[in-house]
Amino acid sequence: MKKLIPLFIISFVCLTSQAAIYRVNNNPGTAAQYSVAQTAHNACNAGDTLYIEGSTISYGILTITKKINIIGPGYFLAQNPQTQVNPSTAWFNQIICNTGSAGTYLTGLQMYYLSLADNNIVLKRNYIINNGSYNNAGINVNSNSSNDLIVQNYITSNNNCGNACAPLYITSGSSNITVANNIIQNTGGGYDVVYVDPGASAIITNNTILGTLNSYTTINNSTFNNNILNISGAVMSGSNNSMNNNISNVAQLDTTNHNAHNNQINVNMGIVFVGVGSTDGQYKLKAGSSAIGAGFSGEDCGAFGGSDPYVLSGMPTVPSVYFFAAPTSGSGTLPVHVKIKSNK
């Protein structure tokens, strides 16, 4: 398997021009350039790429202060077909994008907490799970951040410590944050699934938003289109929004304090989602679903709709080796069977 890793590296060189690429693997005995992600970050130059390989050991806390690309193998790898030979994820306790990290690209990673504190950061196809280890949001978009892209991620939290521990918390002073084609879930109860402060703004489109135990949403100054809400909570709070073509299982979508059109409420979610399969695949749309073609421009609602739909297991846009078979012993020429999949 180690000899196959350069297949990823060669492929990504084409995507990143002549920027350097480094392997990071903290499994004992692995011949990667680095075993510690922070050390690799500190040594690389802006524009370089770190390929973080799957492991059963946490990569700890990573603080990013330069524009870099960080690529992991994806998540839920044993649940969906044709993902990776090695089902281990590249997981972090925390990733903190500080000043200087503008333009950073994060994909295929798993983490307990993420802080975004600069502009034009792309968070694409990651698994953010706030399991109560940290008393803060799963994703915290800090003040003075703008134009960050949060797309095609699986974001969940069971941390029951108030609104500040929402799966996605967009702080006052941040602006033009795009939140698209994510599955966002609160299982802790009693607070927001998505929170956009009155001093912030966002574009929130084609997400599947899930909440239990009196969860709710607080949205301000935002475009809120084509989302599916399966939430057992109160009416959406906030103001100064444009809310169109959303679907909710309850009367969640307030038409009094928002510019709201063509929304569906009190929809039976049993006829919206397939409801079976992998952790993320269960939220695909069922045949005949009321979300099919119900979007603002005739696209499907929810994470699997729109022009850039959610991708199962957060597979990054580099080829993956999903099957490898070779004899354990022998001499001479030995047959090796490898299957490689391109991911878009």
C-alpha atoms as a PDB file:
ATOM      1  CA  MET A   1       0.000   0.000   0.000  1.00  0.00           C
ATOM      2  CA  LYS A   2       2.873   2.402   0.738  1.00  0.00           C
ATOM      3  CA  LYS A   3       4.086   2.025  -2.839  1.00  0.00           C
ATOM      4  CA  LEU A   4       0.684   3.110  -4.119  1.00  0.00           C
ATOM      5  CA  ILE A   5       0.644   6.461  -2.312  1.00  0.00           C
ATOM      6  CA  PRO A   6       2.591   8.270  -5.068  1.00  0.00           C
ATOM      7  CA  LEU A   7      -0.416   7.686  -7.349  1.00  0.00           C
ATOM      8  CA  PHE A   8      -2.240  10.319  -5.281  1.00  0.00           C
ATOM      9  CA  ILE A   9       0.784  12.568  -5.246  1.00  0.00           C
ATOM     10  CA  ILE A  10       1.371  12.417  -9.002  1.00  0.00           C
ATOM     11  CA  SER A  11      -2.305  13.149  -9.633  1.00  0.00           C
ATOM     12  CA  PHE A  12      -2.377  16.139  -7.341  1.00  0.00           C
ATOM     13  CA  VAL A  13       0.815  17.636  -8.751  1.00  0.00           C
ATOM     14  CA  CYS A  14      -1.152  18.263 -11.931  1.00  0.00           C
ATOM     15  CA  LEU A  15      -3.754  20.169  -9.941  1.00  0.00           C
ATOM     16  CA  THR A  16      -1.347  22.332  -7.974  1.00  0.00           C
ATOM     17  CA  SER A  17       1.138  23.310 -10.697  1.00  0.00           C
ATOM     18  CA  GLN A  18       4.655  23.031  -9.235  1.00  0.00           C
ATOM     19  CA  ALA A  19       3.806  23.398  -5.550  1.00  0.00           C
ATOM     20  CA  ALA A  20       5.438  20.843  -3.272  1.00  0.00           C
ATOM     21  CA  ILE A  21       3.515  17.888  -1.857  1.00  0.00           C
ATOM     22  CA  TYR A  22       4.319  16.149   1.422  1.00  0.00           C
ATOM     23  CA  ARG A  23       3.057  12.935   2.988  1.00  0.00           C
ATOM     24  CA  VAL A  24       2.026  13.013   6.639  1.00  0.00           C
ATOM     25  CA  ASN A  25       1.451   9.673   8.377  1.00  0.00           C
ATOM     26  CA  ASN A  26       1.619   9.082  12.124  1.00  0.00           C
ATOM     27  CA  ASN A  27       1.338   5.298  11.954  1.00  0.00           C
ATOM     28  CA  PRO A  28       4.485   3.773  13.479  1.00  0.00           C
ATOM     29  CA  GLY A  29       6.999   2.527  10.925  1.00  0.00           C
ATOM     30  CA  THR A  30       5.620   4.473   7.964  1.00  0.00           C
ATOM     31  CA  ALA A  31       8.181   6.105   5.679  1.00  0.00           C
ATOM     32  CA  ALA A  32       6.361   9.416   5.193  1.00  0.00           C
ATOM     33  CA  GLN A  33       8.174  12.766   5.216  1.00  0.00           C
ATOM     34  CA  TYR A  34       6.352  13.807   8.405  1.00  0.00           C
ATOM     35  CA  SER A  35       4.484  12.137  11.241  1.00  0.00           C
ATOM     36  CA  VAL A  36       3.286  15.362  12.921  1.00  0.00           C
ATOM     37  CA  ALA A  37       0.896  17.587  10.955  1.00  0.00           C
ATOM     38  CA  GLN A  38       1.954  20.785  12.736  1.00  0.00           C
ATOM     39  CA  THR A  39       5.615  20.101  11.952  1.00  0.00           C
ATOM     40  CA  ALA A  40       4.737  19.572   8.286  1.00  0.00           C
ATOM     41  CA  HIS A  41       2.761  22.829   8.240  1.00  0.00           C
ATOM     42  CA  ASN A  42       5.604  24.780   9.821  1.00  0.00           C
ATOM     43  CA  ALA A  43       8.139  23.410   7.321  1.00  0.00           C
ATOM     44  CA  CYS A  44       6.126  23.870   4.123  1.00  0.00           C
ATOM     45  CA  ASN A  45       5.692  26.989   2.019  1.00  0.00           C
ATOM     46  CA  ALA A  46       2.483  28.801   1.192  1.00  0.00           C
ATOM     47  CA  GLY A  47       0.751  26.998  -1.659  1.00  0.00           C
ATOM     48  CA  ASP A  48       2.142  23.574  -0.753  1.00  0.00           C
ATOM     49  CA  THR A  49       0.000  20.503  -0.148  1.00  0.00           C
ATOM     50  CA  LEU A  50      -0.062  18.134   2.812  1.00  0.00           C
ATOM     51  CA  TYR A  51      -1.535  14.726   2.157  1.00  0.00           C
ATOM     52  CA  ILE A  52      -2.723  13.429   5.556  1.00  0.00           C
ATOM     53  CA  GLU A  53      -3.036   9.653   5.467  1.00  0.00           C
ATOM     54  CA  GLY A  54      -5.554   7.550   7.370  1.00  0.00           C
ATOM     55  CA  SER A  55      -4.682   6.521  10.906  1.00  0.00           C
ATOM     56  CA  THR A  56      -6.216   5.229  14.117  1.00  0.00           C
ATOM     57  CA  ILE A  57      -4.137   7.853  15.962  1.00  0.00           C
ATOM     58  CA  SER A  58      -5.242  11.479  16.193  1.00  0.00           C
ATOM     59  CA  TYR A  59      -3.107  14.091  14.462  1.00  0.00           C
ATOM     60  CA  GLY A  60      -3.862  16.360  17.436  1.00  0.00           C
ATOM     61  CA  ILE A  61      -4.224  20.121  17.092  1.00  0.00           C
ATOM     62  CA  LEU A  62      -3.220  21.932  13.906  1.00  0.00           C
ATOM     63  CA  THR A  63      -2.912  25.723  13.762  1.00  0.00           C
ATOM     64  CA  ILE A  64      -2.750  27.071  10.210  1.00  0.00           C
ATOM     65  CA  THR A  65      -1.097  30.438   9.552  1.00  0.00           C
ATOM     66  CA  LYS A  66      -0.363  30.191   5.815  1.00  0.00           C
ATOM     67  CA  LYS A  67      -2.252  29.313   2.649  1.00  0.00           C
ATOM     68  CA  ILE A  68      -1.918  25.552   2.210  1.00  0.00           C
ATOM     69  CA  ASN A  69      -3.892  22.607   0.846  1.00  0.00           C
ATOM     70  CA  ILE A  70      -4.618  19.734   3.225  1.00  0.00           C
ATOM     71  CA  ILE A  71      -6.096  16.528   1.835  1.00  0.00           C
ATOM     72  CA  GLY A  72      -7.306  13.473   3.752  1.00  0.00           C
ATOM     73  CA  PRO A  73      -8.845  10.206   2.553  1.00  0.00           C
ATOM     74  CA  GLY A  74     -12.497  10.947   3.430  1.00  0.00           C
ATOM     75  CA  TYR A  75     -14.781   9.498   6.128  1.00  0.00           C
ATOM     76  CA  PHE A  76     -17.419   6.777   6.593  1.00  0.00           C
ATOM     77  CA  LEU A  77     -15.016   4.832   4.394  1.00  0.00           C
ATOM     78  CA  ALA A  78     -16.256   1.396   5.453  1.00  0.00           C
ATOM     79  CA  GLN A  79     -19.893   2.353   4.919  1.00  0.00           C
ATOM     80  CA  ASN A  80     -19.926   3.372   1.259  1.00  0.00           C
ATOM     81  CA  PRO A  81     -18.633   1.442  -1.762  1.00  0.00           C
ATOM     82  CA  GLN A  82     -15.411   2.148  -3.666  1.00  0.00           C
ATOM     83  CA  THR A  83     -13.821   4.530  -1.167  1.00  0.00           C
ATOM     84  CA  GLN A  84     -10.352   3.538   0.133  1.00  0.00           C
ATOM     85  CA  VAL A  85      -8.543   0.257   0.798  1.00  0.00           C
ATOM     86  CA  ASN A  86      -7.614   1.622   4.230  1.00  0.00           C
ATOM     87  CA  PRO A  87     -10.851   2.663   5.992  1.00  0.00           C
ATOM     88  CA  SER A  88      -9.055   4.798   8.621  1.00  0.00           C
ATOM     89  CA  THR A  89      -9.693   8.544   8.560  1.00  0.00           C
ATOM     90  CA  ALA A  90      -7.265  11.427   8.974  1.00  0.00           C
ATOM     91  CA  TRP A  91      -8.631  12.930  12.169  1.00  0.00           C
ATOM     92  CA  PHE A  92      -7.718  15.916  14.289  1.00  0.00           C
ATOM     93  CA  ASN A  93      -8.803  17.122  17.694  1.00  0.00           C
ATOM     94  CA  GLN A  94      -8.853  20.725  16.436  1.00  0.00           C
ATOM     95  CA  ILE A  95      -7.969  22.654  13.303  1.00  0.00           C
ATOM     96  CA  ILE A  96      -7.562  26.402  13.804  1.00  0.00           C
ATOM     97  CA  CYS A  97      -7.269  28.629  10.735  1.00  0.00           C
ATOM     98  CA  ASN A  98      -5.708  31.807  12.084  1.00  0.00           C
ATOM     99  CA  THR A  99      -4.680  35.076  10.432  1.00  0.00           C
ATOM    100  CA  GLY A 100      -2.552  34.260   7.401  1.00  0.00           C
ATOM    101  CA  SER A 101      -4.556  31.169   6.439  1.00  0.00           C
ATOM    102  CA  ALA A 102      -6.610  32.980   3.763  1.00  0.00           C
ATOM    103  CA  GLY A 103      -7.145  30.766   0.729  1.00  0.00           C
ATOM    104  CA  THR A 104      -6.484  27.509   2.602  1.00  0.00           C
ATOM    105  CA  TYR A 105      -8.210  24.406   1.221  1.00  0.00           C
ATOM    106  CA  LEU A 106      -9.261  21.569   3.574  1.00  0.00           C
ATOM    107  CA  THR A 107     -10.812  18.355   2.278  1.00  0.00           C
ATOM    108  CA  GLY A 108     -11.292  14.710   3.237  1.00  0.00           C
ATOM    109  CA  LEU A 109     -10.539  15.289   6.939  1.00  0.00           C
ATOM    110  CA  GLN A 110     -12.260  14.484  10.218  1.00  0.00           C
ATOM    111  CA  MET A 111     -12.111  16.792  13.234  1.00  0.00           C
ATOM    112  CA  TYR A 112     -13.855  17.611  16.505  1.00  0.00           C
ATOM    113  CA  TYR A 113     -13.605  21.386  16.149  1.00  0.00           C
ATOM    114  CA  LEU A 114     -12.773  23.902  13.439  1.00  0.00           C
ATOM    115  CA  SER A 115     -12.152  27.641  13.748  1.00  0.00           C
ATOM    116  CA  LEU A 116     -12.123  29.889  10.671  1.00  0.00           C
ATOM    117  CA  ALA A 117     -10.532  33.294  11.269  1.00  0.00           C
ATOM    118  CA  ASP A 118      -9.500  34.478   7.811  1.00  0.00           C
ATOM    119  CA  ASN A 119     -10.946  34.957   4.348  1.00  0.00           C
ATOM    120  CA  ASN A 120     -11.554  32.751   1.304  1.00  0.00           C
ATOM    121  CA  ILE A 121     -10.992  29.490   3.177  1.00  0.00           C
ATOM    122  CA  VAL A 122     -12.518  26.436   1.485  1.00  0.00           C
ATOM    123  CA  LEU A 123     -13.843  23.669   3.725  1.00  0.00           C
ATOM    124  CA  LYS A 124     -14.995  20.929   1.367  1.00  0.00           C
ATOM    125  CA  ARG A 125     -15.981  17.318   2.032  1.00  0.00           C
ATOM    126  CA  ASN A 126     -14.976  17.016   5.678  1.00  0.00           C
ATOM    127  CA  TYR A 127     -16.524  15.395   8.745  1.00  0.00           C
ATOM    128  CA  ILE A 128     -16.831  17.740  11.732  1.00  0.00           C
ATOM    129  CA  ILE A 129     -18.157  16.014  14.834  1.00  0.00           C
ATOM    130  CA  ASN A 130     -18.383  17.994  18.071  1.00  0.00           C
ATOM    131  CA  ASN A 131     -18.651  15.168  20.599  1.00  0.00           C
ATOM    132  CA  GLY A 132     -18.537  17.314  23.723  1.00  0.00           C
ATOM    133  CA  SER A 133     -14.749  17.341  24.005  1.00  0.00           C
ATOM    134  CA  TYR A 134     -14.741  21.111  23.488  1.00  0.00           C
ATOM    135  CA  ASN A 135     -17.317  23.607  24.740  1.00  0.00           C
ATOM    136  CA  ASN A 136     -17.698  25.416  21.459  1.00  0.00           C
ATOM    137  CA  ALA A 137     -19.300  25.064  18.059  1.00  0.00           C
ATOM    138  CA  GLY A 138     -18.403  22.316  15.624  1.00  0.00           C
ATOM    139  CA  ILE A 139     -17.461  25.054  13.140  1.00  0.00           C
ATOM    140  CA  ASN A 140     -16.918  28.557  14.480  1.00  0.00           C
ATOM    141  CA  VAL A 141     -16.667  31.244  11.784  1.00  0.00           C
ATOM    142  CA  ASN A 142     -14.980  34.090  13.622  1.00  0.00           C
ATOM    143  CA  SER A 143     -15.459  37.847  13.223  1.00  0.00           C
ATOM    144  CA  ASN A 144     -13.802  39.586  10.286  1.00  0.00           C
ATOM    145  CA  SER A 145     -13.945  36.423   8.182  1.00  0.00           C
ATOM    146  CA  SER A 146     -15.446  36.806   4.724  1.00  0.00           C
ATOM    147  CA  ASN A 147     -16.083  34.759   1.601  1.00  0.00           C
ATOM    148  CA  ASP A 148     -15.358  31.424   3.286  1.00  0.00           C
ATOM    149  CA  LEU A 149     -16.873  28.372   1.558  1.00  0.00           C
ATOM    150  CA  ILE A 150     -18.356  25.575   3.681  1.00  0.00           C
ATOM    151  CA  VAL A 151     -19.506  23.007   1.130  1.00  0.00           C
ATOM    152  CA  GLN A 152     -20.311  19.281   0.971  1.00  0.00           C
ATOM    153  CA  ASN A 153     -19.429  18.551   4.605  1.00  0.00           C
ATOM    154  CA  TYR A 154     -21.039  16.330   7.228  1.00  0.00           C
ATOM    155  CA  ILE A 155     -21.322  18.513  10.350  1.00  0.00           C
ATOM    156  CA  THR A 156     -22.763  17.186  13.583  1.00  0.00           C
ATOM    157  CA  SER A 157     -22.783  17.991  17.288  1.00  0.00           C
ATOM    158  CA  ASN A 158     -24.063  16.349  20.453  1.00  0.00           C
ATOM    159  CA  ASN A 159     -22.513  18.988  22.696  1.00  0.00           C
ATOM    160  CA  ASN A 160     -25.310  20.317  24.883  1.00  0.00           C
ATOM    161  CA  CYS A 161     -23.821  23.626  26.078  1.00  0.00           C
ATOM    162  CA  GLY A 162     -26.059  26.227  24.436  1.00  0.00           C
ATOM    163  CA  ASN A 163     -26.116  28.105  21.137  1.00  0.00           C
ATOM    164  CA  ALA A 164     -22.349  28.627  21.134  1.00  0.00           C
ATOM    165  CA  CYS A 165     -22.065  24.848  20.694  1.00  0.00           C
ATOM    166  CA  ALA A 166     -24.204  24.707  17.570  1.00  0.00           C
ATOM    167  CA  PRO A 167     -22.776  22.522  14.790  1.00  0.00           C
ATOM    168  CA  LEU A 168     -22.300  25.713  12.736  1.00  0.00           C
ATOM    169  CA  TYR A 169     -21.916  29.123  14.411  1.00  0.00           C
ATOM    170  CA  ILE A 170     -21.307  32.221  12.266  1.00  0.00           C
ATOM    171  CA  THR A 171     -20.103  35.055  14.474  1.00  0.00           C
ATOM    172  CA  SER A 172     -20.848  38.787  14.283  1.00  0.00           C
ATOM    173  CA  GLY A 173     -18.518  40.581  11.901  1.00  0.00           C
ATOM    174  CA  SER A 174     -18.228  37.713   9.416  1.00  0.00           C
ATOM    175  CA  SER A 175     -19.804  38.211   6.012  1.00  0.00           C
ATOM    176  CA  ASN A 176     -20.735  36.474   2.779  1.00  0.00           C
ATOM    177  CA  ILE A 177     -20.152  32.984   4.174  1.00  0.00           C
ATOM    178  CA  THR A 178     -21.381  30.328   1.737  1.00  0.00           C
ATOM    179  CA  VAL A 179     -22.892  27.221   3.316  1.00  0.00           C
ATOM    180  CA  ALA A 180     -23.958  24.788   0.607  1.00  0.00           C
ATOM    181  CA  ASN A 181     -24.728  21.089   0.147  1.00  0.00           C
ATOM    182  CA  ASN A 182     -23.880  20.099   3.707  1.00  0.00           C
ATOM    183  CA  ILE A 183     -25.586  17.661   6.039  1.00  0.00           C
ATOM    184  CA  ILE A 184     -25.803  19.531   9.366  1.00  0.00           C
ATOM    185  CA  GLN A 185     -27.109  17.749  12.431  1.00  0.00           C
ATOM    186  CA  ASN A 186     -27.653  18.534  16.102  1.00  0.00           C
ATOM    187  CA  THR A 187     -28.222  15.510  18.318  1.00  0.00           C
ATOM    188  CA  GLY A 188     -27.557  17.281  21.638  1.00  0.00           C
ATOM    189  CA  GLY A 189     -30.816  19.197  21.680  1.00  0.00           C
ATOM    190  CA  GLY A 190     -32.005  22.512  23.035  1.00  0.00           C
ATOM    191  CA  TYR A 191     -30.004  24.866  20.810  1.00  0.00           C
ATOM    192  CA  ASP A 192     -29.429  25.973  17.236  1.00  0.00           C
ATOM    193  CA  VAL A 193     -28.369  23.677  14.449  1.00  0.00           C
ATOM    194  CA  VAL A 194     -27.260  26.694  12.415  1.00  0.00           C
ATOM    195  CA  TYR A 195     -26.681  30.111  13.958  1.00  0.00           C
ATOM    196  CA  VAL A 196     -25.999  33.296  11.959  1.00  0.00           C
ATOM    197  CA  ASP A 197     -25.491  36.293  14.246  1.00  0.00           C
ATOM    198  CA  PRO A 198     -27.433  39.538  13.607  1.00  0.00           C
ATOM    199  CA  GLY A 199     -24.059  41.126  12.779  1.00  0.00           C
ATOM    200  CA  ALA A 200     -23.162  38.483  10.164  1.00  0.00           C
ATOM    201  CA  SER A 201     -24.404  37.387   6.756  1.00  0.00           C
ATOM    202  CA  ALA A 202     -24.436  34.137   4.813  1.00  0.00           C
ATOM    203  CA  ILE A 203     -25.688  32.317   1.733  1.00  0.00           C
ATOM    204  CA  ILE A 204     -27.242  29.056   2.932  1.00  0.00           C
ATOM    205  CA  THR A 205     -28.448  26.816   0.142  1.00  0.00           C
ATOM    206  CA  ASN A 206     -29.108  23.144  -0.574  1.00  0.00           C
ATOM    207  CA  ASN A 207     -28.373  21.864   2.911  1.00  0.00           C
ATOM    208  CA  THR A 208     -30.026  19.044   4.834  1.00  0.00           C
ATOM    209  CA  ILE A 209     -30.495  20.393   8.378  1.00  0.00           C
ATOM    210  CA  LEU A 210     -31.404  17.918  11.111  1.00  0.00           C
ATOM    211  CA  GLY A 211     -32.181  18.457  14.776  1.00  0.00           C
ATOM    212  CA  THR A 212     -33.659  16.642  17.760  1.00  0.00           C
ATOM    213  CA  LEU A 213     -34.927  17.546  21.233  1.00  0.00           C
ATOM    214  CA  ASN A 214     -36.254  21.046  20.594  1.00  0.00           C
ATOM    215  CA  SER A 215     -33.511  22.147  18.235  1.00  0.00           C
ATOM    216  CA  TYR A 216     -34.073  25.253  16.167  1.00  0.00           C
ATOM    217  CA  THR A 217     -32.302  27.654  13.812  1.00  0.00           C
ATOM    218  CA  THR A 218     -31.368  31.324  14.095  1.00  0.00           C
ATOM    219  CA  ILE A 219     -30.653  32.987  10.761  1.00  0.00           C
ATOM    220  CA  ASN A 220     -30.056  36.691  10.062  1.00  0.00           C
ATOM    221  CA  ASN A 221     -29.198  38.733   6.956  1.00  0.00           C
ATOM    222  CA  SER A 222     -28.992  35.636   4.786  1.00  0.00           C
ATOM    223  CA  THR A 223     -30.212  33.997   1.627  1.00  0.00           C
ATOM    224  CA  PHE A 224     -31.787  30.717   2.700  1.00  0.00           C
ATOM    225  CA  ASN A 225     -32.907  28.625  -0.279  1.00  0.00           C
ATOM    226  CA  ASN A 226     -33.468  24.970  -1.221  1.00  0.00           C
ATOM    227  CA  ASN A 227     -32.824  23.569   2.256  1.00  0.00           C
ATOM    228  CA  ILE A 228     -34.524  20.596   3.881  1.00  0.00           C
ATOM    229  CA  LEU A 229     -35.181  20.987   7.614  1.00  0.00           C
ATOM    230  CA  ASN A 230     -36.078  17.978   9.743  1.00  0.00           C
ATOM    231  CA  ILE A 231     -36.165  19.677  13.138  1.00  0.00           C
ATOM    232  CA  SER A 232     -38.375  19.053  16.158  1.00  0.00           C
ATOM    233  CA  GLY A 233     -38.071  22.606  17.433  1.00  0.00           C
ATOM    234  CA  ALA A 234     -39.542  26.081  17.347  1.00  0.00           C
ATOM    235  CA  VAL A 235     -40.077  28.520  14.502  1.00  0.00           C
ATOM    236  CA  MET A 236     -36.883  29.872  12.945  1.00  0.00           C
ATOM    237  CA  SER A 237     -35.561  32.958  14.722  1.00  0.00           C
ATOM    238  CA  GLY A 238     -33.870  35.958  13.127  1.00  0.00           C
ATOM    239  CA  SER A 239     -34.690  38.599  10.547  1.00  0.00           C
ATOM    240  CA  ASN A 240     -33.759  40.231   7.244  1.00  0.00           C
ATOM    241  CA  ASN A 241     -33.578  36.992   5.294  1.00  0.00           C
ATOM    242  CA  SER A 242     -34.705  35.848   1.878  1.00  0.00           C
ATOM    243  CA  MET A 243     -36.133  32.337   2.307  1.00  0.00           C
ATOM    244  CA  ASN A 244     -37.303  30.497  -0.766  1.00  0.00           C
ATOM    245  CA  ASN A 245     -38.186  26.940  -1.753  1.00  0.00           C
ATOM    246  CA  ASN A 246     -37.292  25.278   1.535  1.00  0.00           C
ATOM    247  CA  ILE A 247     -38.943  22.170   2.965  1.00  0.00           C
ATOM    248  CA  SER A 248     -39.633  21.600   6.670  1.00  0.00           C
ATOM    249  CA  ASN A 249     -41.207  18.817   8.692  1.00  0.00           C
ATOM    250  CA  VAL A 250     -42.902  21.354  11.005  1.00  0.00           C
ATOM    251  CA  ALA A 251     -44.057  24.969  10.735  1.00  0.00           C
ATOM    252  CA  GLN A 252     -40.411  26.007  11.134  1.00  0.00           C
ATOM    253  CA  LEU A 253     -40.336  28.569   8.322  1.00  0.00           C
ATOM    254  CA  ASP A 254     -41.635  31.894   9.596  1.00  0.00           C
ATOM    255  CA  THR A 255     -43.264  34.083   6.944  1.00  0.00           C
ATOM    256  CA  THR A 256     -43.667  37.099   9.267  1.00  0.00           C
ATOM    257  CA  ASN A 257     -40.051  38.144   9.890  1.00  0.00           C
ATOM    258  CA  HIS A 258     -38.577  36.894   6.629  1.00  0.00           C
ATOM    259  CA  ASN A 259     -39.110  37.426   2.929  1.00  0.00           C
ATOM    260  CA  ALA A 260     -40.395  33.901   2.349  1.00  0.00           C
ATOM    261  CA  HIS A 261     -41.789  32.296  -0.794  1.00  0.00           C
ATOM    262  CA  ASN A 262     -42.637  28.814  -2.069  1.00  0.00           C
ATOM    263  CA  ASN A 263     -41.714  27.025   1.133  1.00  0.00           C
ATOM    264  CA  GLN A 264     -43.294  23.720   2.123  1.00  0.00           C
ATOM    265  CA  ILE A 265     -44.077  23.051   5.788  1.00  0.00           C
ATOM    266  CA  ASN A 266     -45.389  20.061   7.757  1.00  0.00           C
ATOM    267  CA  VAL A 267     -43.896  17.662   5.233  1.00  0.00           C
ATOM    268  CA  ASN A 268     -43.632  13.977   6.171  1.00  0.00           C
ATOM    269  CA  MET A 269     -39.893  13.267   6.014  1.00  0.00           C
ATOM    270  CA  GLY A 270     -40.615   9.584   5.605  1.00  0.00           C
ATOM    271  CA  ILE A 271     -41.440  10.319   1.970  1.00  0.00           C
ATOM    272  CA  VAL A 272     -38.516  12.727   1.455  1.00  0.00           C
ATOM    273  CA  PHE A 273     -35.404  10.627   2.293  1.00  0.00           C
ATOM    274  CA  VAL A 274     -34.579   7.032   1.403  1.00  0.00           C
ATOM    275  CA  GLY A 275     -33.974   6.480   5.140  1.00  0.00           C
ATOM    276  CA  VAL A 276     -31.611   3.502   4.705  1.00  0.00           C
ATOM    277  CA  GLY A 277     -27.955   2.972   3.909  1.00  0.00           C
ATOM    278  CA  SER A 278     -24.839   4.655   5.224  1.00  0.00           C
ATOM    279  CA  THR A 279     -24.733   7.462   7.777  1.00  0.00           C
ATOM    280  CA  ASP A 280     -24.761  10.049   4.987  1.00  0.00           C
ATOM    281  CA  GLY A 281     -26.414   8.005   2.225  1.00  0.00           C
ATOM    282  CA  GLN A 282     -29.687   7.698   4.141  1.00  0.00           C
ATOM    283  CA  TYR A 283     -30.383  11.350   3.306  1.00  0.00           C
ATOM    284  CA  LYS A 284     -30.531  10.819  -0.433  1.00  0.00           C
ATOM    285  CA  LEU A 285     -33.925  11.664  -1.871  1.00  0.00           C
ATOM    286  CA  LYS A 286     -36.463   8.912  -2.253  1.00  0.00           C
ATOM    287  CA  ALA A 287     -38.099   8.358  -5.632  1.00  0.00           C
ATOM    288  CA  GLY A 288     -41.123  10.645  -5.786  1.00  0.00           C
ATOM    289  CA  SER A 289     -39.796  12.832  -2.964  1.00  0.00           C
ATOM    290  CA  SER A 290     -41.439  16.238  -2.603  1.00  0.00           C
ATOM    291  CA  ALA A 291     -37.912  17.715  -2.624  1.00  0.00           C
ATOM    292  CA  ILE A 292     -37.236  16.602  -6.205  1.00  0.00           C
ATOM    293  CA  GLY A 293     -37.407  19.589  -8.544  1.00  0.00           C
ATOM    294  CA  ALA A 294     -38.702  21.828  -5.742  1.00  0.00           C
ATOM    295  CA  GLY A 295     -35.709  24.189  -5.662  1.00  0.00           C
ATOM    296  CA  PHE A 296     -35.570  27.873  -6.571  1.00  0.00           C
ATOM    297  CA  SER A 297     -34.584  27.137 -10.191  1.00  0.00           C
ATOM    298  CA  GLY A 298     -36.141  23.696 -10.458  1.00  0.00           C
ATOM    299  CA  GLU A 299     -33.223  21.803  -8.895  1.00  0.00           C
ATOM    300  CA  ASP A 300     -33.654  19.286  -6.073  1.00  0.00           C
ATOM    301  CA  CYS A 301     -33.671  20.563  -2.496  1.00  0.00           C
ATOM    302  CA  GLY A 302     -31.263  19.327   0.148  1.00  0.00           C
ATOM    303  CA  ALA A 303     -27.611  18.340   0.253  1.00  0.00           C
ATOM    304  CA  PHE A 304     -27.832  16.021  -2.751  1.00  0.00           C
ATOM    305  CA  GLY A 305     -29.404  18.666  -4.996  1.00  0.00           C
ATOM    306  CA  GLY A 306     -28.111  21.672  -6.901  1.00  0.00           C
ATOM    307  CA  SER A 307     -25.126  22.034  -9.205  1.00  0.00           C
ATOM    308  CA  ASP A 308     -22.517  20.689  -6.723  1.00  0.00           C
ATOM    309  CA  PRO A 309     -24.231  17.940  -4.707  1.00  0.00           C
ATOM    310  CA  TYR A 310     -22.926  16.254  -1.583  1.00  0.00           C
ATOM    311  CA  VAL A 311     -20.452  13.418  -2.234  1.00  0.00           C
ATOM    312  CA  LEU A 312     -20.704  10.254  -0.129  1.00  0.00           C
ATOM    313  CA  SER A 313     -17.842   9.765   2.349  1.00  0.00           C
ATOM    314  CA  GLY A 314     -16.370  13.164   1.464  1.00  0.00           C
ATOM    315  CA  MET A 315     -14.096  11.649  -1.139  1.00  0.00           C
ATOM    316  CA  PRO A 316     -11.530  14.293  -2.166  1.00  0.00           C
ATOM    317  CA  THR A 317     -11.108  15.164  -5.819  1.00  0.00           C
ATOM    318  CA  VAL A 318      -8.028  12.971  -6.328  1.00  0.00           C
ATOM    319  CA  PRO A 319      -7.931   9.310  -7.408  1.00  0.00           C
ATOM    320  CA  SER A 320      -8.357   6.694  -4.686  1.00  0.00           C
ATOM    321  CA  VAL A 321      -7.211   3.079  -4.493  1.00  0.00           C
ATOM    322  CA  TYR A 322     -10.318   1.208  -3.361  1.00  0.00           C
ATOM    323  CA  PHE A 323      -9.152  -2.367  -4.035  1.00  0.00           C
ATOM    324  CA  PHE A 324      -5.727  -3.993  -3.686  1.00  0.00           C
ATOM    325  CA  ALA A 325      -4.908  -7.709  -3.790  1.00  0.00           C
ATOM    326  CA  ALA A 326      -1.499  -9.354  -3.972  1.00  0.00           C
ATOM    327  CA  PRO A 327      -0.027 -12.721  -2.970  1.00  0.00           C
ATOM    328  CA  THR A 328       1.454 -12.831   0.509  1.00  0.00           C
ATOM    329  CA  SER A 329       4.411 -14.896  -0.710  1.00  0.00           C
ATOM    330  CA  GLY A 330       6.010 -16.270  -3.883  1.00  0.00           C
ATOM    331  CA  SER A 331       8.872 -15.676  -6.293  1.00  0.00           C
ATOM    332  CA  GLY A 332       9.309 -14.255  -9.768  1.00  0.00           C
ATOM    333  CA  THR A 333       6.536 -12.193 -11.334  1.00  0.00           C
ATOM    334  CA  LEU A 334       3.530 -12.005  -8.994  1.00  0.00           C
ATOM    335  CA  PRO A 335       0.010 -10.932  -9.945  1.00  0.00           C
ATOM    336  CA  VAL A 336      -1.206  -7.714  -8.306  1.00  0.00           C
ATOM    337  CA  HIS A 337      -4.796  -6.538  -8.682  1.00  0.00           C
ATOM    338  CA  VAL A 338      -5.437  -2.826  -8.121  1.00  0.00           C
ATOM    339  CA  LYS A 339      -8.610  -0.832  -8.675  1.00  0.00           C
ATOM    340  CA  ILE A 340      -8.377   2.968  -8.802  1.00  0.00           C
ATOM    341  CA  LYS A 341     -11.294   5.383  -8.924  1.00  0.00           C
ATOM    342  CA  SER A 342     -11.246   8.990 -10.033  1.00  0.00           C
ATOM    343  CA  ASN A 343     -13.297  11.301  -7.829  1.00  0.00           C
ATOM    344  CA  LYS A 344     -14.904  14.550  -8.899  1.00  0.00           C
END
